[in-house]
Amino acid sequence: MHAERRAFAASPCGGVTLAVNGTEVVLRASGALHVRASNALLVADLHFEKGSAYATRGQLLPPYDTRETLARLERETAAVKPDLLVFLGDSFHDGAAEDRLAADDARRLAALASGRTLLWIVGNHDADGPRALPGEIAAEMTLETLILRHEPQPGAQPGECAGHLHPAAKVAGRGGAVRRRCFVTDGSRVVLPAFGAYAGGLNVKDEAFRPLFATRPTAAALGSGRVHAIGWRSLVRD
C-alpha cells in the first residue's frame, strides 16, 4: 500500500486515528499514542534529567526539562484518563538520573501511577528501570495485537510500537523547510516520537529507518495542537 493512500482519520483531540496491525490507535498531537480498546497511553523516550546530565559534563542547559516533560505528561493523563500508562524506554537519560530528580518531580512522577497501572519498558539508557518509583518493569509487553518495546527490531514486526529512534519529519516549502517530531508508520508497526523536552529527533529518511518498513511509511508530524499526515514523497532529508 502506498503511504499516500493509507487510512488516517481526524480525531477530535487534533490527532489522527488509524489501525496498527488491526488495533485502532490515536496518534495524539503531544506525541503520545492512545490505544482505545485497552485505554492505554504510550509515550517514548522521556529522557528525564537530560539537562542535569549535560550539566555534569560542563554543557549548561536550563535545568527544567524534567518539569516541562512532566507537565505535558500530566496534561495528557488528565485528558485521556488512561487505565494503563506505558513508558516505552529511555524514560531516564542515564542510570543515575533517578537520583538527580528533585523531590517534587519525583512526587509528581509517582502520582502518575495513582489509580492506574504504570509500566516501565526498559531502554538502552535505563536498562534496569527505576528503583524507588512505583510501577511494573518489563522488557516488552503484548497489548491487543500490539507489541510494546523500546527499540524497533529489523524486518517484519507486525504490531510493534517502539521508540528509540526519535523520528522527525522535514518538509520543504516556499517559505523554507519545517522540521517536526513525528510518528512514522506503515499500518503494520509504528515508531513514536520522543516525548522528552530535550530529546531531539532523527530524520525519518535516515538509513536507520530503512530496515523497518517494506513499503513507504507515512510520517504523522506534530503541529500546534494537531497531527499532520505527510506522505513519503513530500519529505526531504536534512
Protein backbone atom coordinates (compact mmCIF):
# COMPACT_ATOMS: atom_id res chain seq x y z
CA MET A 1 0.00 0.00 0.00
CA HIS A 2 1.39 3.41 -0.86
CA ALA A 3 1.78 5.76 2.08
CA GLU A 4 -0.31 8.46 0.43
CA ARG A 5 -3.33 6.11 0.41
CA ARG A 6 -3.02 4.91 3.99
CA ALA A 7 -6.21 5.33 6.02
CA PHE A 8 -5.93 8.15 8.55
CA ALA A 9 -8.96 9.76 10.17
CA ALA A 10 -9.04 13.03 12.08
CA SER A 11 -9.64 12.72 15.81
CA PRO A 12 -11.47 15.34 17.94
CA CYS A 13 -8.29 15.76 20.04
CA GLY A 14 -6.38 17.04 17.00
CA GLY A 15 -4.65 13.72 16.46
CA VAL A 16 -5.25 11.08 13.82
CA THR A 17 -6.81 7.64 14.16
CA LEU A 18 -5.61 4.57 12.28
CA ALA A 19 -5.28 0.83 12.67
CA VAL A 20 -1.87 -0.60 13.52
CA ASN A 21 -1.87 -4.33 12.84
CA GLY A 22 -5.65 -4.26 13.21
CA THR A 23 -5.77 -2.35 16.53
CA GLU A 24 -7.21 1.16 16.47
CA VAL A 25 -4.87 3.78 17.90
CA VAL A 26 -4.88 7.56 18.13
CA LEU A 27 -1.66 9.43 17.37
CA ARG A 28 -2.00 12.46 19.59
CA ALA A 29 -0.57 15.92 18.96
CA SER A 30 1.51 15.64 22.13
CA GLY A 31 3.43 12.68 20.72
CA ALA A 32 1.58 10.15 22.89
CA LEU A 33 -0.26 7.17 21.42
CA HIS A 34 -3.67 6.11 22.79
CA VAL A 35 -4.89 2.52 22.44
CA ARG A 36 -8.63 2.96 22.85
CA ALA A 37 -9.68 -0.66 23.39
CA SER A 38 -7.35 -1.00 26.39
CA ASN A 39 -7.46 2.68 27.37
CA ALA A 40 -3.66 2.65 27.36
CA LEU A 41 -1.49 5.73 26.84
CA LEU A 42 2.01 5.18 25.45
CA VAL A 43 4.90 7.66 25.48
CA ALA A 44 8.50 7.08 24.42
CA ASP A 45 11.91 8.50 25.27
CA LEU A 46 11.13 10.88 28.10
CA HIS A 47 14.85 11.24 28.95
CA PHE A 48 14.20 12.70 32.39
CA GLU A 49 17.20 14.65 33.76
CA LYS A 50 18.99 15.02 30.43
CA GLY A 51 19.67 18.66 31.31
CA SER A 52 21.34 17.75 34.60
CA ALA A 53 23.38 15.05 32.82
CA TYR A 54 24.74 17.67 30.43
CA ALA A 55 25.49 19.98 33.35
CA THR A 56 27.76 17.36 34.94
CA ARG A 57 29.82 17.49 31.73
CA GLY A 58 30.02 21.27 31.71
CA GLN A 59 27.38 21.76 29.00
CA LEU A 60 24.98 24.18 30.65
CA LEU A 61 21.33 23.89 29.62
CA PRO A 62 18.32 25.28 31.51
CA PRO A 63 17.63 22.52 34.08
CA TYR A 64 13.89 22.46 33.55
CA ASP A 65 13.46 19.66 31.01
CA THR A 66 12.09 17.16 33.54
CA ARG A 67 9.47 19.62 34.80
CA GLU A 68 8.41 20.58 31.29
CA THR A 69 8.12 16.92 30.25
CA LEU A 70 6.18 16.09 33.42
CA ALA A 71 3.77 18.98 32.86
CA ARG A 72 2.98 17.76 29.34
CA LEU A 73 2.59 14.21 30.61
CA GLU A 74 0.24 15.33 33.37
CA ARG A 75 -1.90 17.18 30.82
CA GLU A 76 -2.09 14.08 28.66
CA THR A 77 -3.09 11.78 31.51
CA ALA A 78 -5.69 14.32 32.67
CA ALA A 79 -7.14 14.49 29.14
CA VAL A 80 -7.15 10.75 28.38
CA LYS A 81 -7.53 9.29 31.90
CA PRO A 82 -5.80 6.06 30.90
CA ASP A 83 -6.11 2.84 32.86
CA LEU A 84 -2.60 1.88 31.71
CA LEU A 85 0.31 4.29 31.25
CA VAL A 86 3.32 2.86 29.41
CA PHE A 87 6.77 4.42 29.18
CA LEU A 88 8.48 2.86 26.15
CA GLY A 89 12.04 3.00 27.44
CA ASP A 90 14.73 5.64 27.93
CA SER A 91 12.47 7.26 30.48
CA PHE A 92 15.66 8.37 32.27
CA HIS A 93 18.64 9.76 30.44
CA ASP A 94 21.15 7.64 32.36
CA GLY A 95 21.45 5.23 35.27
CA ALA A 96 21.95 7.98 37.84
CA ALA A 97 19.11 10.23 36.62
CA GLU A 98 16.59 8.92 39.15
CA ASP A 99 18.92 10.03 41.95
CA ARG A 100 19.10 13.53 40.44
CA LEU A 101 15.32 14.01 40.39
CA ALA A 102 14.12 16.89 42.54
CA ALA A 103 11.89 15.68 45.37
CA ASP A 104 8.86 17.47 43.96
CA ASP A 105 9.43 15.99 40.48
CA ALA A 106 9.73 12.50 41.99
CA ARG A 107 6.41 13.00 43.82
CA ARG A 108 4.71 14.17 40.61
CA LEU A 109 6.07 11.19 38.72
CA ALA A 110 4.92 8.78 41.41
CA ALA A 111 1.46 10.39 41.40
CA LEU A 112 1.02 9.35 37.78
CA ALA A 113 0.68 5.75 39.00
CA SER A 114 -2.25 6.61 41.26
CA GLY A 115 -5.46 4.90 40.10
CA ARG A 116 -3.84 3.20 37.10
CA THR A 117 -1.16 0.70 36.12
CA LEU A 118 2.20 2.25 35.28
CA LEU A 119 4.56 0.15 33.19
CA TRP A 120 8.21 0.97 32.59
CA ILE A 121 9.59 -0.69 29.46
CA VAL A 122 13.37 -0.66 29.82
CA GLY A 123 15.57 1.03 27.23
CA ASN A 124 19.25 1.32 26.44
CA HIS A 125 19.64 4.40 28.68
CA ASP A 126 17.75 2.89 31.65
CA ALA A 127 18.23 -0.85 31.34
CA ASP A 128 17.41 -1.59 34.99
CA GLY A 129 14.29 0.55 35.27
CA PRO A 130 13.52 2.79 38.26
CA ARG A 131 14.42 1.66 41.77
CA ALA A 132 12.27 3.82 44.08
CA LEU A 133 9.32 4.84 41.90
CA PRO A 134 6.05 2.87 41.64
CA GLY A 135 5.14 0.77 38.63
CA GLU A 136 5.95 -2.50 36.92
CA ILE A 137 9.11 -3.10 34.87
CA ALA A 138 9.30 -5.21 31.71
CA ALA A 139 11.42 -5.70 28.60
CA GLU A 140 8.30 -5.68 26.42
CA MET A 141 4.56 -6.25 26.57
CA THR A 142 1.79 -7.55 24.31
CA LEU A 143 -1.35 -5.39 24.19
CA GLU A 144 -4.23 -6.28 21.86
CA THR A 145 -2.41 -7.03 18.55
CA LEU A 146 0.50 -4.76 19.51
CA ILE A 147 3.98 -5.46 20.85
CA LEU A 148 5.32 -2.68 23.05
CA ARG A 149 9.10 -2.40 23.24
CA HIS A 150 11.81 0.24 23.28
CA GLU A 151 14.00 -0.48 20.27
CA PRO A 152 12.44 -1.36 16.89
CA GLN A 153 13.60 -4.67 15.50
CA PRO A 154 14.59 -5.02 11.82
CA GLY A 155 12.41 -6.88 9.34
CA ALA A 156 8.69 -7.55 9.59
CA GLN A 157 7.43 -6.88 13.13
CA PRO A 158 3.62 -6.67 12.89
CA GLY A 159 2.12 -4.67 15.72
CA GLU A 160 5.39 -3.26 17.01
CA CYS A 161 5.09 0.06 18.89
CA ALA A 162 8.54 1.35 19.74
CA GLY A 163 10.60 4.45 20.33
CA HIS A 164 14.41 4.78 20.49
CA LEU A 165 14.93 6.47 17.09
CA HIS A 166 13.27 9.83 17.93
CA PRO A 167 11.73 10.24 14.44
CA ALA A 168 11.41 13.70 12.91
CA ALA A 169 9.89 14.83 9.60
CA LYS A 170 11.23 17.60 7.39
CA VAL A 171 9.14 19.27 4.68
CA ALA A 172 10.40 21.95 2.30
CA GLY A 173 8.04 24.73 1.24
CA ARG A 174 8.15 28.16 -0.35
CA GLY A 175 8.91 29.79 2.98
CA GLY A 176 11.71 27.35 3.79
CA ALA A 177 11.93 23.97 5.46
CA VAL A 178 9.95 22.91 8.51
CA ARG A 179 11.14 20.13 10.81
CA ARG A 180 8.89 18.48 13.41
CA ARG A 181 8.92 15.43 15.62
CA CYS A 182 6.67 12.75 14.19
CA PHE A 183 5.23 9.27 14.36
CA VAL A 184 6.22 7.05 11.45
CA THR A 185 4.03 4.10 10.45
CA ASP A 186 3.15 1.79 7.59
CA GLY A 187 -0.01 0.49 9.29
CA SER A 188 1.80 -2.65 10.43
CA ARG A 189 4.06 -1.00 13.01
CA VAL A 190 4.68 2.47 14.43
CA VAL A 191 7.69 4.32 15.84
CA LEU A 192 6.75 7.03 18.34
CA PRO A 193 8.40 10.44 18.59
CA ALA A 194 10.47 11.28 21.63
CA PHE A 195 8.29 12.83 24.33
CA GLY A 196 11.11 14.39 26.36
CA ALA A 197 11.68 18.13 26.16
CA TYR A 198 15.38 17.79 25.25
CA ALA A 199 15.20 14.54 23.31
CA GLY A 200 15.76 15.86 19.76
CA GLY A 201 14.96 13.93 16.59
CA LEU A 202 16.36 11.85 13.72
CA ASN A 203 15.12 12.48 10.18
CA VAL A 204 12.85 9.62 9.10
CA LYS A 205 14.78 9.43 5.81
CA ASP A 206 17.90 8.42 7.72
CA GLU A 207 19.20 4.94 6.92
CA ALA A 208 18.29 3.79 10.44
CA PHE A 209 14.62 3.59 9.40
CA ARG A 210 15.18 1.66 6.17
CA PRO A 211 15.18 -1.88 7.68
CA LEU A 212 11.84 -1.26 9.40
CA PHE A 213 9.44 -0.68 6.50
CA ALA A 214 8.91 -2.86 3.43
CA THR A 215 6.60 -0.22 1.94
CA ARG A 216 6.79 3.57 2.09
CA PRO A 217 5.62 4.69 5.53
CA THR A 218 3.77 7.86 6.45
CA ALA A 219 5.07 10.50 8.84
CA ALA A 220 2.49 11.92 11.24
CA ALA A 221 4.10 15.22 12.21
CA LEU A 222 3.32 17.06 15.45
CA GLY A 223 1.94 20.52 14.83
CA SER A 224 0.46 23.07 17.20
CA GLY A 225 -2.41 21.08 18.66
CA ARG A 226 -2.75 18.95 15.55
CA VAL A 227 -1.11 15.99 13.81
CA HIS A 228 -0.36 16.27 10.08
CA ALA A 229 -0.07 13.09 7.99
CA ILE A 230 2.70 13.55 5.39
CA GLY A 231 3.36 11.16 2.53
CA TRP A 232 6.88 9.86 1.99
CA ARG A 233 7.35 11.72 -1.30
CA SER A 234 6.79 15.06 0.44
CA LEU A 235 9.58 14.51 2.95
CA VAL A 236 13.15 15.70 2.49
CA ARG A 237 16.47 14.81 4.09
CA ASP A 238 18.35 17.12 6.43
